Protein backbone atom coordinates (compact mmCIF):
# COMPACT_ATOMS: atom_id res chain seq x y z
CA UNK A 1 -7.31 -32.26 3.55
CA UNK A 2 -9.48 -29.18 2.95
CA UNK A 3 -8.81 -27.82 6.45
CA UNK A 4 -5.07 -28.29 6.01
CA UNK A 5 -5.08 -26.36 2.72
CA UNK A 6 -7.21 -23.59 4.21
CA UNK A 7 -4.87 -23.17 7.18
CA UNK A 8 -1.84 -22.93 4.85
CA UNK A 9 -3.67 -20.35 2.71
CA UNK A 10 -4.46 -18.19 5.77
CA UNK A 11 -0.96 -18.54 7.25
CA UNK A 12 0.90 -17.83 3.98
CA UNK A 13 -1.05 -14.71 3.00
CA UNK A 14 -1.93 -11.38 4.65
CA UNK A 15 -4.85 -12.44 6.85
CA UNK A 16 -4.31 -10.78 10.26
CA UNK A 17 -4.27 -7.01 10.18
CA UNK A 18 -2.50 -4.71 12.61
CA UNK A 19 -4.62 -1.55 12.36
CA UNK A 20 -2.87 1.82 12.43
CA UNK A 21 -4.54 5.24 12.57
CA UNK A 22 -3.54 8.02 10.19
CA UNK A 23 -0.15 9.54 11.09
CA UNK A 24 0.77 6.82 13.59
CA UNK A 25 4.06 4.90 13.30
CA UNK A 26 4.17 1.11 13.53
CA UNK A 27 7.06 -1.30 14.17
CA UNK A 28 6.54 -4.15 11.74
CA UNK A 29 8.78 -6.44 9.69
CA UNK A 30 12.20 -5.14 10.80
CA UNK A 31 11.27 -1.48 10.29
CA UNK A 32 9.12 1.38 11.49
CA UNK A 33 6.40 2.46 9.03
CA UNK A 34 4.26 5.59 8.73
CA UNK A 35 2.07 7.14 6.04
CA UNK A 36 3.58 10.58 5.40
CA UNK A 37 1.09 11.89 2.87
CA UNK A 38 -1.64 10.99 0.43
CA UNK A 39 -2.56 12.75 -2.78
CA UNK A 40 -5.45 12.21 -5.18
CA UNK A 41 -5.37 13.27 -8.84
CA UNK A 42 -8.35 13.07 -11.19
CA UNK A 43 -7.97 11.85 -14.78
CA UNK A 44 -9.63 15.12 -15.87
CA UNK A 45 -7.00 17.33 -14.20
CA UNK A 46 -3.84 18.60 -15.90
CA UNK A 47 -1.71 16.28 -13.74
CA UNK A 48 -4.01 13.35 -14.62
CA UNK A 49 -3.70 14.02 -18.33
CA UNK A 50 0.08 14.34 -17.97
CA UNK A 51 0.23 10.90 -16.32
CA UNK A 52 -2.10 9.37 -18.99
CA UNK A 53 -4.77 8.25 -16.50
CA UNK A 54 -7.68 6.35 -18.05
CA UNK A 55 -10.98 8.29 -18.18
CA UNK A 56 -13.15 7.91 -15.08
CA UNK A 57 -10.24 7.10 -12.79
CA UNK A 58 -8.21 8.79 -10.07
CA UNK A 59 -4.59 8.26 -9.10
CA UNK A 60 -4.08 7.93 -5.35
CA UNK A 61 -0.43 8.37 -4.34
CA UNK A 62 0.58 7.30 -0.85
CA UNK A 63 3.98 8.32 0.50
CA UNK A 64 5.23 5.73 2.99
CA UNK A 65 8.11 6.41 5.37
CA UNK A 66 10.26 3.38 6.18
CA UNK A 67 12.82 3.43 8.99
CA UNK A 68 14.78 0.16 8.78
CA UNK A 69 16.13 0.46 12.31
CA UNK A 70 13.36 -1.58 13.85
CA UNK A 71 13.62 -5.03 15.37
CA UNK A 72 15.37 -7.97 13.72
CA UNK A 73 18.92 -9.11 13.03
CA UNK A 74 19.76 -6.66 10.26
CA UNK A 75 16.96 -4.10 10.69
CA UNK A 76 16.15 -4.16 6.96
CA UNK A 77 12.78 -5.40 5.59
CA UNK A 78 13.04 -8.14 2.95
CA UNK A 79 10.72 -6.32 0.56
CA UNK A 80 7.04 -5.52 0.82
CA UNK A 81 3.74 -5.39 -1.01
CA UNK A 82 1.41 -2.38 -0.82
CA UNK A 83 -2.30 -2.60 -1.64
CA UNK A 84 -5.09 -0.04 -1.38
CA UNK A 85 -8.35 -1.38 0.04
CA UNK A 86 -11.82 0.13 0.11
CA UNK A 87 -14.33 -1.16 2.63
CA UNK A 88 -17.40 0.06 4.42
CA UNK A 89 -20.82 -0.80 5.71
CA UNK A 90 -23.00 -2.22 2.94
CA UNK A 91 -20.27 -2.16 0.29
CA UNK A 92 -18.25 -4.91 -1.30
CA UNK A 93 -14.58 -4.73 -0.37
CA UNK A 94 -12.39 -3.79 -3.33
CA UNK A 95 -8.61 -3.57 -3.51
CA UNK A 96 -5.95 -2.38 -5.95
CA UNK A 97 -2.29 -3.24 -6.32
CA UNK A 98 0.51 -0.75 -6.67
CA UNK A 99 0.21 0.64 -10.23
CA UNK A 100 3.96 0.82 -10.68
CA UNK A 101 3.89 -2.98 -10.92
CA UNK A 102 0.66 -3.16 -12.91
CA UNK A 103 -0.52 -3.19 -16.49
CA UNK A 104 -1.37 0.54 -16.72
CA UNK A 105 1.42 2.75 -18.05
CA UNK A 106 1.27 5.96 -16.02
CA UNK A 107 3.50 7.93 -18.34
CA UNK A 108 6.26 10.28 -17.23
CA UNK A 109 6.51 12.12 -13.94
CA UNK A 110 6.17 9.21 -11.56
CA UNK A 111 8.12 8.65 -8.36
CA UNK A 112 11.63 7.20 -8.48
CA UNK A 113 11.07 4.73 -5.61
CA UNK A 114 7.72 2.89 -5.71
CA UNK A 115 8.17 0.13 -3.12
CA UNK A 116 10.28 -0.68 -0.11
CA UNK A 117 13.87 -1.71 -0.67
CA UNK A 118 15.99 -4.27 1.16
CA UNK A 119 19.05 -2.42 -0.18
CA UNK A 120 18.42 0.72 1.89
CA UNK A 121 19.45 0.67 5.53
CA UNK A 122 18.65 4.28 6.50
CA UNK A 123 15.30 6.04 6.71
CA UNK A 124 13.68 6.62 3.30
CA UNK A 125 10.27 7.09 1.67
CA UNK A 126 8.59 5.44 -1.28
CA UNK A 127 5.43 6.36 -3.16
CA UNK A 128 2.86 3.68 -3.93
CA UNK A 129 0.43 4.69 -6.69
CA UNK A 130 -3.04 3.23 -7.18
CA UNK A 131 -5.34 3.77 -10.16
CA UNK A 132 -8.91 3.56 -8.84
CA UNK A 133 -12.43 4.33 -10.09
CA UNK A 134 -13.25 8.02 -9.53
CA UNK A 135 -15.90 7.16 -6.91
CA UNK A 136 -13.61 4.96 -4.81
CA UNK A 137 -13.72 6.01 -1.16
CA UNK A 138 -16.78 8.29 -1.56
CA UNK A 139 -19.01 6.27 0.77
CA UNK A 140 -16.45 3.96 2.35
CA UNK A 141 -13.02 4.04 3.95
CA UNK A 142 -9.64 3.53 2.31
CA UNK A 143 -6.67 1.79 3.88
CA UNK A 144 -3.16 1.02 2.67
CA UNK A 145 -2.16 -2.53 3.49
CA UNK A 146 1.57 -3.30 3.65
CA UNK A 147 2.78 -6.85 3.97
CA UNK A 148 6.33 -8.12 4.47
CA UNK A 149 6.88 -11.78 3.50
CA UNK A 150 8.74 -12.85 6.64
CA UNK A 151 6.00 -11.52 8.93
CA UNK A 152 2.93 -13.01 7.23
CA UNK A 153 0.11 -13.65 8.06
CA UNK A 154 0.26 -10.30 9.90
CA UNK A 155 0.12 -7.17 7.80
CA UNK A 156 0.01 -3.45 8.54
CA UNK A 157 -3.29 -1.71 7.72
CA UNK A 158 -2.95 2.09 7.67
CA UNK A 159 -6.01 4.36 7.61
CA UNK A 160 -5.87 6.88 4.75
CA UNK A 161 -7.05 10.45 5.38
């Protein structure tokens, strides 16, 4: 019984990464994906104060290009989840969900599209925002993990510059 539950857990969640280097495009989940840009804003900066970031945090914005002309019957992804993950030698892996869907209100000035959309059938970009501790990524690497429900347990793992 335990083994059966464990197998379902692994198969139903993002458990097999497809690693992608910075700037590289990947065909995954009925689309082509690429990280266009990343930006980091400190809570102490003018932009951080404008967005109401909590003290001691940074806002990491990742612009993701989605080209829904990839493989599949309609070429449009059925939605996606973006997470930021920090990992490295000797550190505990930490991860953060997209802040646009979280409990922290980031105030005005945010992006208009914050996740992928099954309504768009031409190339577009969205901006995933992550509120992280200020030291996140200092001694470890950051990746953006994108999962599409119909393709699980595989997920795309993009290196962040």
